[in-house]
């Protein structure tokens, strides 16, 4: 987890021998938001920040102020660089003390009654949640202490909804493949410690959730949106598509598709906004040129005789919209060839 600039740590200031008088005056006039006692962010920075940046500031403040803090769950996943679906709803800490478990209200505070202060109070804050976890290992990631990778993954897979769990599971599969821990085409369940960790979950329901997400996991999705799409497709009851299918025609290579249903001859693409507006994802071309190239790619794939559909983030947050699009493209729930969700070999489709 990257810590955005702007977090003011009053204890760090005092360690330099400097005074914090100006800091306290700025807080009293509403120029600073206090995340926790001793930790501040300029009010305007807080309002401009992305939710992920506010979450990172809050997590850092908790980690520095709570003695022996060990992050767990989705907080540990985010801190250790694994993908999450949005920002977690709270900062989670592991505890072995039964009486300490539970949620503590966010202490976020801004003084004053003007419009800016009211706007700060309307922004999302992140309470602290202690979770009872026994026998955990604390592993450092940067300045954070987190539960170990396997325990973090198993924890989320057993407790989260499928869309959140599969985003993390796909990200974990990518990481394990890159690290040489997961073999090409192998299930996430084959990672040492994963199956045992899932078997050790406290309830049958948690074990079923974790096993389902782990069995679906693949290193091939290239974005959170693609993993989220796979979860919604699964929950809607449609066949899991082949991932990253290569298409070619008489002119040569066309490109790879996000999703491919070979038995129905349908190509699917998740159209995330970043594909067109983020320069790093546009391969150095303008946004207009990226849209034009995407249209040419789609036309060439359609010319092979395949159906083609696109969906956006809004179609995932309202799954009935995606369902209607899948049906309109000729796909049917429960139909088609056996799932190829863990297939690692990429075939080439030619006319």
Protein backbone atom coordinates (compact mmCIF):
# COMPACT_ATOMS: atom_id res chain seq x y z
CA UNK A 1 0.00 0.00 0.00
CA UNK A 2 1.40 3.37 -1.00
CA UNK A 3 0.97 6.10 1.60
CA UNK A 4 -0.08 9.31 -0.20
CA UNK A 5 1.74 12.52 0.72
CA UNK A 6 -0.07 14.81 3.12
CA UNK A 7 -0.32 12.78 6.32
CA UNK A 8 0.95 14.82 9.28
CA UNK A 9 2.29 12.79 12.21
CA UNK A 10 2.58 15.06 15.26
CA UNK A 11 4.78 12.58 17.15
CA UNK A 12 7.25 12.59 14.26
CA UNK A 13 7.34 16.40 14.39
CA UNK A 14 8.03 16.36 18.14
CA UNK A 15 10.86 13.86 17.66
CA UNK A 16 12.65 16.46 15.53
CA UNK A 17 12.47 18.95 18.43
CA UNK A 18 10.00 21.20 16.59
CA UNK A 19 6.79 22.58 18.08
CA UNK A 20 3.29 21.47 17.12
CA UNK A 21 1.64 24.75 18.15
CA UNK A 22 0.98 25.80 14.56
CA UNK A 23 -0.46 22.35 13.89
CA UNK A 24 -2.98 22.67 16.70
CA UNK A 25 -3.94 26.18 15.64
CA UNK A 26 -4.58 24.97 12.09
CA UNK A 27 -6.75 22.17 13.42
CA UNK A 28 -8.80 24.58 15.56
CA UNK A 29 -9.47 26.81 12.55
CA UNK A 30 -10.65 23.87 10.43
CA UNK A 31 -7.63 23.83 8.12
CA UNK A 32 -6.77 20.27 9.18
CA UNK A 33 -8.79 17.08 9.51
CA UNK A 34 -7.79 14.88 12.46
CA UNK A 35 -7.92 11.22 11.45
CA UNK A 36 -6.84 9.96 14.87
CA UNK A 37 -5.28 11.70 17.82
CA UNK A 38 -1.88 12.91 16.59
CA UNK A 39 -2.55 12.38 12.86
CA UNK A 40 -3.82 15.08 10.53
CA UNK A 41 -4.38 15.80 6.84
CA UNK A 42 -5.00 19.24 5.29
CA UNK A 43 -8.76 19.63 4.91
CA UNK A 44 -8.58 20.42 1.21
CA UNK A 45 -6.36 17.36 0.64
CA UNK A 46 -8.89 15.15 2.40
CA UNK A 47 -11.73 16.44 0.24
CA UNK A 48 -9.76 16.02 -3.02
CA UNK A 49 -8.46 12.57 -2.14
CA UNK A 50 -9.68 9.31 -3.62
CA UNK A 51 -11.32 6.84 -1.19
CA UNK A 52 -8.23 4.63 -1.52
CA UNK A 53 -6.02 7.53 -0.39
CA UNK A 54 -8.24 8.28 2.62
CA UNK A 55 -8.17 4.60 3.50
CA UNK A 56 -4.36 4.51 3.23
CA UNK A 57 -4.02 7.55 5.52
CA UNK A 58 -6.40 6.02 8.05
CA UNK A 59 -4.67 2.63 7.96
CA UNK A 60 -1.28 4.28 8.43
CA UNK A 61 -2.53 6.33 11.37
CA UNK A 62 -3.97 3.19 13.02
CA UNK A 63 -0.83 1.17 12.38
CA UNK A 64 1.41 3.84 13.90
CA UNK A 65 -0.79 4.61 16.90
CA UNK A 66 -1.97 1.15 18.03
CA UNK A 67 0.81 -0.78 19.75
CA UNK A 68 1.48 -4.14 18.09
CA UNK A 69 -1.12 -3.52 15.36
CA UNK A 70 -1.39 -6.44 12.92
CA UNK A 71 -3.61 -5.83 9.90
CA UNK A 72 -5.90 -8.63 8.75
CA UNK A 73 -8.63 -9.39 6.21
CA UNK A 74 -9.08 -7.04 3.29
CA UNK A 75 -6.97 -4.39 5.06
CA UNK A 76 -4.01 -6.77 5.10
CA UNK A 77 -4.70 -7.64 1.45
CA UNK A 78 -4.62 -3.96 0.46
CA UNK A 79 -1.52 -3.25 2.56
CA UNK A 80 0.36 -6.20 1.04
CA UNK A 81 -0.44 -5.19 -2.56
CA UNK A 82 -3.24 -7.64 -3.36
CA UNK A 83 -6.24 -6.23 -5.24
CA UNK A 84 -9.53 -5.49 -3.49
CA UNK A 85 -12.92 -4.53 -4.88
CA UNK A 86 -13.01 -0.91 -3.77
CA UNK A 87 -11.71 0.17 -0.39
CA UNK A 88 -12.49 -2.03 2.62
CA UNK A 89 -15.31 -0.70 4.83
CA UNK A 90 -13.08 -0.51 7.91
CA UNK A 91 -9.50 -0.94 9.08
CA UNK A 92 -9.24 -4.49 10.44
CA UNK A 93 -6.79 -5.54 13.15
CA UNK A 94 -6.19 -9.07 14.41
CA UNK A 95 -6.51 -9.71 18.11
CA UNK A 96 -6.17 -12.83 20.27
CA UNK A 97 -8.22 -11.25 23.09
CA UNK A 98 -11.88 -12.22 22.91
CA UNK A 99 -13.01 -9.20 24.90
CA UNK A 100 -11.30 -6.81 22.51
CA UNK A 101 -13.09 -7.89 19.31
CA UNK A 102 -15.64 -5.55 17.79
CA UNK A 103 -15.94 -2.23 15.97
CA UNK A 104 -14.72 1.13 17.26
CA UNK A 105 -16.35 4.24 15.81
CA UNK A 106 -14.15 6.33 13.54
CA UNK A 107 -12.59 9.25 15.48
CA UNK A 108 -12.35 11.42 12.33
CA UNK A 109 -12.83 15.03 13.41
CA UNK A 110 -12.91 18.44 11.78
CA UNK A 111 -13.78 21.61 13.66
CA UNK A 112 -16.01 24.41 12.45
CA UNK A 113 -19.49 24.70 11.04
CA UNK A 114 -18.82 26.07 7.57
CA UNK A 115 -19.60 24.31 4.31
CA UNK A 116 -16.14 22.77 4.02
CA UNK A 117 -16.35 21.20 7.47
CA UNK A 118 -19.82 19.86 6.69
CA UNK A 119 -18.51 18.35 3.45
CA UNK A 120 -15.70 16.57 5.33
CA UNK A 121 -18.26 15.07 7.72
CA UNK A 122 -20.19 13.69 4.75
CA UNK A 123 -17.15 11.88 3.33
CA UNK A 124 -16.61 8.26 4.15
CA UNK A 125 -14.51 7.51 7.21
CA UNK A 126 -13.13 4.16 8.26
CA UNK A 127 -13.86 2.71 11.70
CA UNK A 128 -11.49 0.31 13.42
CA UNK A 129 -12.54 -3.32 13.72
CA UNK A 130 -10.76 -5.84 15.93
CA UNK A 131 -11.22 -9.43 14.77
CA UNK A 132 -10.54 -12.46 16.94
CA UNK A 133 -7.92 -14.55 15.12
CA UNK A 134 -5.88 -17.24 16.85
CA UNK A 135 -2.44 -18.43 15.89
CA UNK A 136 -1.67 -15.78 13.30
CA UNK A 137 1.80 -14.90 12.07
CA UNK A 138 2.73 -11.21 11.73
CA UNK A 139 4.54 -10.50 8.45
CA UNK A 140 6.01 -7.07 7.58
CA UNK A 141 4.95 -5.29 4.37
CA UNK A 142 6.67 -1.93 4.25
CA UNK A 143 5.87 -0.22 7.55
CA UNK A 144 2.82 -2.42 8.16
CA UNK A 145 2.52 -5.71 10.02
CA UNK A 146 -0.05 -8.04 8.41
CA UNK A 147 -1.29 -11.57 8.80
CA UNK A 148 0.64 -13.90 6.46
CA UNK A 149 -0.34 -14.09 2.78
CA UNK A 150 -2.06 -17.49 2.94
CA UNK A 151 -3.95 -16.60 6.10
CA UNK A 152 -5.03 -13.25 4.62
CA UNK A 153 -6.25 -14.85 1.39
CA UNK A 154 -8.09 -17.68 3.17
CA UNK A 155 -9.65 -15.17 5.57
CA UNK A 156 -11.08 -13.04 2.75
CA UNK A 157 -12.16 -16.00 0.61
CA UNK A 158 -14.06 -17.48 3.55
CA UNK A 159 -15.76 -14.29 4.70
CA UNK A 160 -16.34 -12.06 1.67
CA UNK A 161 -18.96 -12.13 -1.06
CA UNK A 162 -17.90 -13.85 -4.28
CA UNK A 163 -17.22 -10.60 -6.18
CA UNK A 164 -14.80 -9.40 -3.48
CA UNK A 165 -13.31 -12.86 -2.98
CA UNK A 166 -12.67 -13.54 -6.67
CA UNK A 167 -10.97 -10.16 -7.20
CA UNK A 168 -8.53 -11.11 -4.44
CA UNK A 169 -8.22 -14.74 -5.56
CA UNK A 170 -7.36 -13.80 -9.16
CA UNK A 171 -4.81 -11.28 -7.91
CA UNK A 172 -3.29 -13.89 -5.61
CA UNK A 173 -3.10 -16.38 -8.51
CA UNK A 174 -1.24 -13.78 -10.63
CA UNK A 175 1.22 -13.13 -7.81
CA UNK A 176 1.82 -16.81 -7.05
CA UNK A 177 2.33 -17.57 -10.75
CA UNK A 178 4.85 -14.72 -11.09
CA UNK A 179 6.66 -15.89 -7.94
CA UNK A 180 6.84 -19.47 -9.21
CA UNK A 181 4.63 -20.77 -6.41
CA UNK A 182 1.69 -21.62 -8.71
CA UNK A 183 2.25 -23.75 -11.79
CA UNK A 184 0.69 -22.90 -15.15
CA UNK A 185 -2.83 -24.29 -15.32
CA UNK A 186 -2.88 -25.33 -11.65
CA UNK A 187 -5.61 -24.46 -9.18
CA UNK A 188 -5.05 -21.89 -6.46
CA UNK A 189 -5.84 -24.77 -4.09
CA UNK A 190 -2.49 -26.32 -5.06
CA UNK A 191 -0.54 -23.46 -3.45
CA UNK A 192 1.14 -24.85 -0.30
CA UNK A 193 -0.96 -24.14 2.76
CA UNK A 194 -4.06 -22.97 0.85
CA UNK A 195 -6.16 -26.14 1.07
CA UNK A 196 -5.18 -26.70 4.70
CA UNK A 197 -6.01 -23.11 5.55
CA UNK A 198 -9.46 -23.39 3.98
CA UNK A 199 -10.05 -26.72 5.74
CA UNK A 200 -9.30 -24.95 9.02
CA UNK A 201 -12.00 -22.27 8.60
CA UNK A 202 -14.48 -22.32 11.49
CA UNK A 203 -17.70 -23.08 9.59
CA UNK A 204 -18.86 -25.21 6.68
CA UNK A 205 -20.33 -22.12 5.00
CA UNK A 206 -16.98 -20.31 5.14
CA UNK A 207 -15.21 -23.37 3.74
CA UNK A 208 -17.69 -23.60 0.85
CA UNK A 209 -17.26 -19.90 0.02
CA UNK A 210 -13.48 -20.16 0.09
CA UNK A 211 -13.36 -23.36 -1.97
CA UNK A 212 -15.66 -21.86 -4.61
CA UNK A 213 -13.55 -18.71 -5.01
CA UNK A 214 -10.28 -20.66 -5.00
CA UNK A 215 -11.56 -23.10 -7.63
CA UNK A 216 -12.63 -20.20 -9.87
CA UNK A 217 -9.37 -18.27 -9.43
CA UNK A 218 -7.19 -17.65 -12.47
CA UNK A 219 -4.05 -15.57 -13.06
CA UNK A 220 -5.32 -14.49 -16.49
CA UNK A 221 -7.69 -11.58 -15.71
CA UNK A 222 -5.77 -8.34 -16.11
CA UNK A 223 -7.91 -5.98 -14.03
CA UNK A 224 -10.24 -5.81 -11.07
CA UNK A 225 -13.10 -5.20 -13.50
CA UNK A 226 -12.41 -8.47 -15.34
CA UNK A 227 -12.37 -10.44 -12.09
CA UNK A 228 -15.53 -8.68 -10.92
CA UNK A 229 -17.13 -9.59 -14.27
CA UNK A 230 -16.28 -13.25 -13.79
CA UNK A 231 -17.93 -13.25 -10.36
CA UNK A 232 -21.12 -11.65 -11.70
CA UNK A 233 -21.19 -14.08 -14.66
CA UNK A 234 -20.88 -16.96 -12.19
CA UNK A 235 -23.58 -15.62 -9.89
CA UNK A 236 -25.93 -15.11 -12.86
CA UNK A 237 -25.47 -18.77 -13.76
CA UNK A 238 -23.72 -18.37 -17.11
CA UNK A 239 -20.83 -20.52 -18.29
CA UNK A 240 -17.40 -19.24 -17.32
CA UNK A 241 -15.67 -17.99 -20.49
CA UNK A 242 -12.20 -18.72 -21.83
CA UNK A 243 -9.88 -15.88 -20.83
CA UNK A 244 -7.44 -13.91 -22.97
CA UNK A 245 -8.34 -15.66 -26.21
CA UNK A 246 -6.10 -14.78 -29.18
CA UNK A 247 -7.81 -13.93 -32.49
CA UNK A 248 -6.22 -13.74 -35.95
CA UNK A 249 -7.48 -13.37 -39.50
CA UNK A 250 -5.92 -13.45 -42.96
CA UNK A 251 -4.11 -10.18 -42.18
CA UNK A 252 -2.54 -11.63 -39.04
CA UNK A 253 -2.90 -11.00 -35.33
CA UNK A 254 -6.00 -9.06 -34.25
CA UNK A 255 -5.71 -9.11 -30.50
CA UNK A 256 -6.78 -10.83 -27.29
CA UNK A 257 -10.28 -10.73 -25.90
CA UNK A 258 -11.12 -10.48 -22.22
CA UNK A 259 -13.72 -13.24 -22.54
CA UNK A 260 -14.65 -15.88 -25.16
CA UNK A 261 -17.52 -18.35 -25.20
CA UNK A 262 -16.40 -20.75 -27.97
CA UNK A 263 -19.52 -22.95 -28.00
CA UNK A 264 -21.68 -19.90 -28.73
CA UNK A 265 -19.06 -18.00 -30.73
CA UNK A 266 -19.38 -14.89 -28.53
CA UNK A 267 -16.63 -12.46 -27.48
CA UNK A 268 -17.03 -10.31 -24.37
CA UNK A 269 -15.10 -7.21 -23.32
CA UNK A 270 -15.14 -5.33 -20.05
CA UNK A 271 -14.79 -1.66 -20.94
CA UNK A 272 -13.17 -0.03 -17.96
CA UNK A 273 -12.76 3.74 -18.16
CA UNK A 274 -9.01 3.46 -17.65
CA UNK A 275 -8.61 1.69 -21.00
CA UNK A 276 -9.39 4.99 -22.72
CA UNK A 277 -8.41 7.74 -20.28
CA UNK A 278 -5.22 6.44 -18.61
CA UNK A 279 -2.19 7.06 -20.81
CA UNK A 280 -0.33 4.02 -19.44
CA UNK A 281 -3.13 1.76 -20.67
CA UNK A 282 -3.46 3.41 -24.09
CA UNK A 283 -0.03 2.32 -25.30
CA UNK A 284 1.06 5.90 -25.94
CA UNK A 285 -1.82 6.90 -28.25
CA UNK A 286 -4.50 9.54 -27.71
CA UNK A 287 -7.86 8.62 -26.18
CA UNK A 288 -9.56 9.16 -29.56
CA UNK A 289 -7.04 6.90 -31.28
CA UNK A 290 -7.55 4.23 -28.59
CA UNK A 291 -11.31 4.26 -29.21
CA UNK A 292 -10.76 4.06 -32.98
CA UNK A 293 -8.32 1.14 -32.67
CA UNK A 294 -10.73 -0.69 -30.40
CA UNK A 295 -13.49 -0.26 -32.98
CA UNK A 296 -11.26 -1.66 -35.75
CA UNK A 297 -10.33 -4.63 -33.56
CA UNK A 298 -14.00 -5.33 -32.86
CA UNK A 299 -14.90 -5.10 -36.56
CA UNK A 300 -12.19 -7.63 -37.50
CA UNK A 301 -13.38 -10.07 -34.81
CA UNK A 302 -16.99 -9.67 -35.93
CA UNK A 303 -15.87 -10.38 -39.50
CA UNK A 304 -14.77 -13.83 -38.31
CA UNK A 305 -18.45 -14.53 -37.68
CA UNK A 306 -18.37 -14.07 -33.91
CA UNK A 307 -20.82 -12.18 -31.73
CA UNK A 308 -19.40 -9.32 -29.69
CA UNK A 309 -20.65 -7.56 -26.56
CA UNK A 310 -19.25 -4.97 -24.20
CA UNK A 311 -20.17 -3.99 -20.68
CA UNK A 312 -19.13 -1.37 -18.17
CA UNK A 313 -18.80 -1.02 -14.42
CA UNK A 314 -22.45 0.09 -14.16
CA UNK A 315 -23.52 -3.26 -15.66
CA UNK A 316 -21.69 -5.08 -12.87
CA UNK A 317 -23.12 -3.05 -10.01
CA UNK A 318 -26.60 -3.69 -11.49
CA UNK A 319 -26.19 -7.34 -12.60
CA UNK A 320 -29.56 -7.49 -14.34
CA UNK A 321 -28.14 -5.11 -16.95
CA UNK A 322 -25.29 -7.54 -17.68
CA UNK A 323 -27.75 -10.44 -17.72
CA UNK A 324 -29.80 -8.73 -20.43
CA UNK A 325 -26.68 -8.07 -22.50
CA UNK A 326 -25.50 -11.68 -22.21
CA UNK A 327 -28.94 -12.97 -23.22
CA UNK A 328 -29.11 -10.55 -26.16
CA UNK A 329 -25.75 -11.89 -27.38
CA UNK A 330 -27.16 -15.43 -27.48
CA UNK A 331 -25.74 -16.76 -24.22
CA UNK A 332 -27.96 -18.77 -21.89
CA UNK A 333 -27.54 -19.54 -18.18
CA UNK A 334 -26.26 -23.03 -17.50
CA UNK A 335 -25.52 -23.79 -21.16
CA UNK A 336 -22.41 -24.37 -23.19
CA UNK A 337 -19.25 -26.38 -22.97
CA UNK A 338 -17.49 -27.23 -19.67
CA UNK A 339 -15.84 -24.30 -17.95
CA UNK A 340 -12.37 -23.31 -19.16
CA UNK A 341 -11.79 -20.86 -16.31
CA UNK A 342 -8.43 -22.31 -15.30
CA UNK A 343 -7.20 -22.92 -18.83
CA UNK A 344 -3.75 -21.44 -19.27
CA UNK A 345 -3.13 -22.39 -22.91
CA UNK A 346 -4.38 -19.70 -25.28
CA UNK A 347 -5.68 -20.93 -28.60
CA UNK A 348 -5.79 -18.97 -31.83
CA UNK A 349 -9.08 -18.43 -33.66
CA UNK A 350 -8.71 -18.13 -37.45
CA UNK A 351 -11.28 -17.94 -40.28
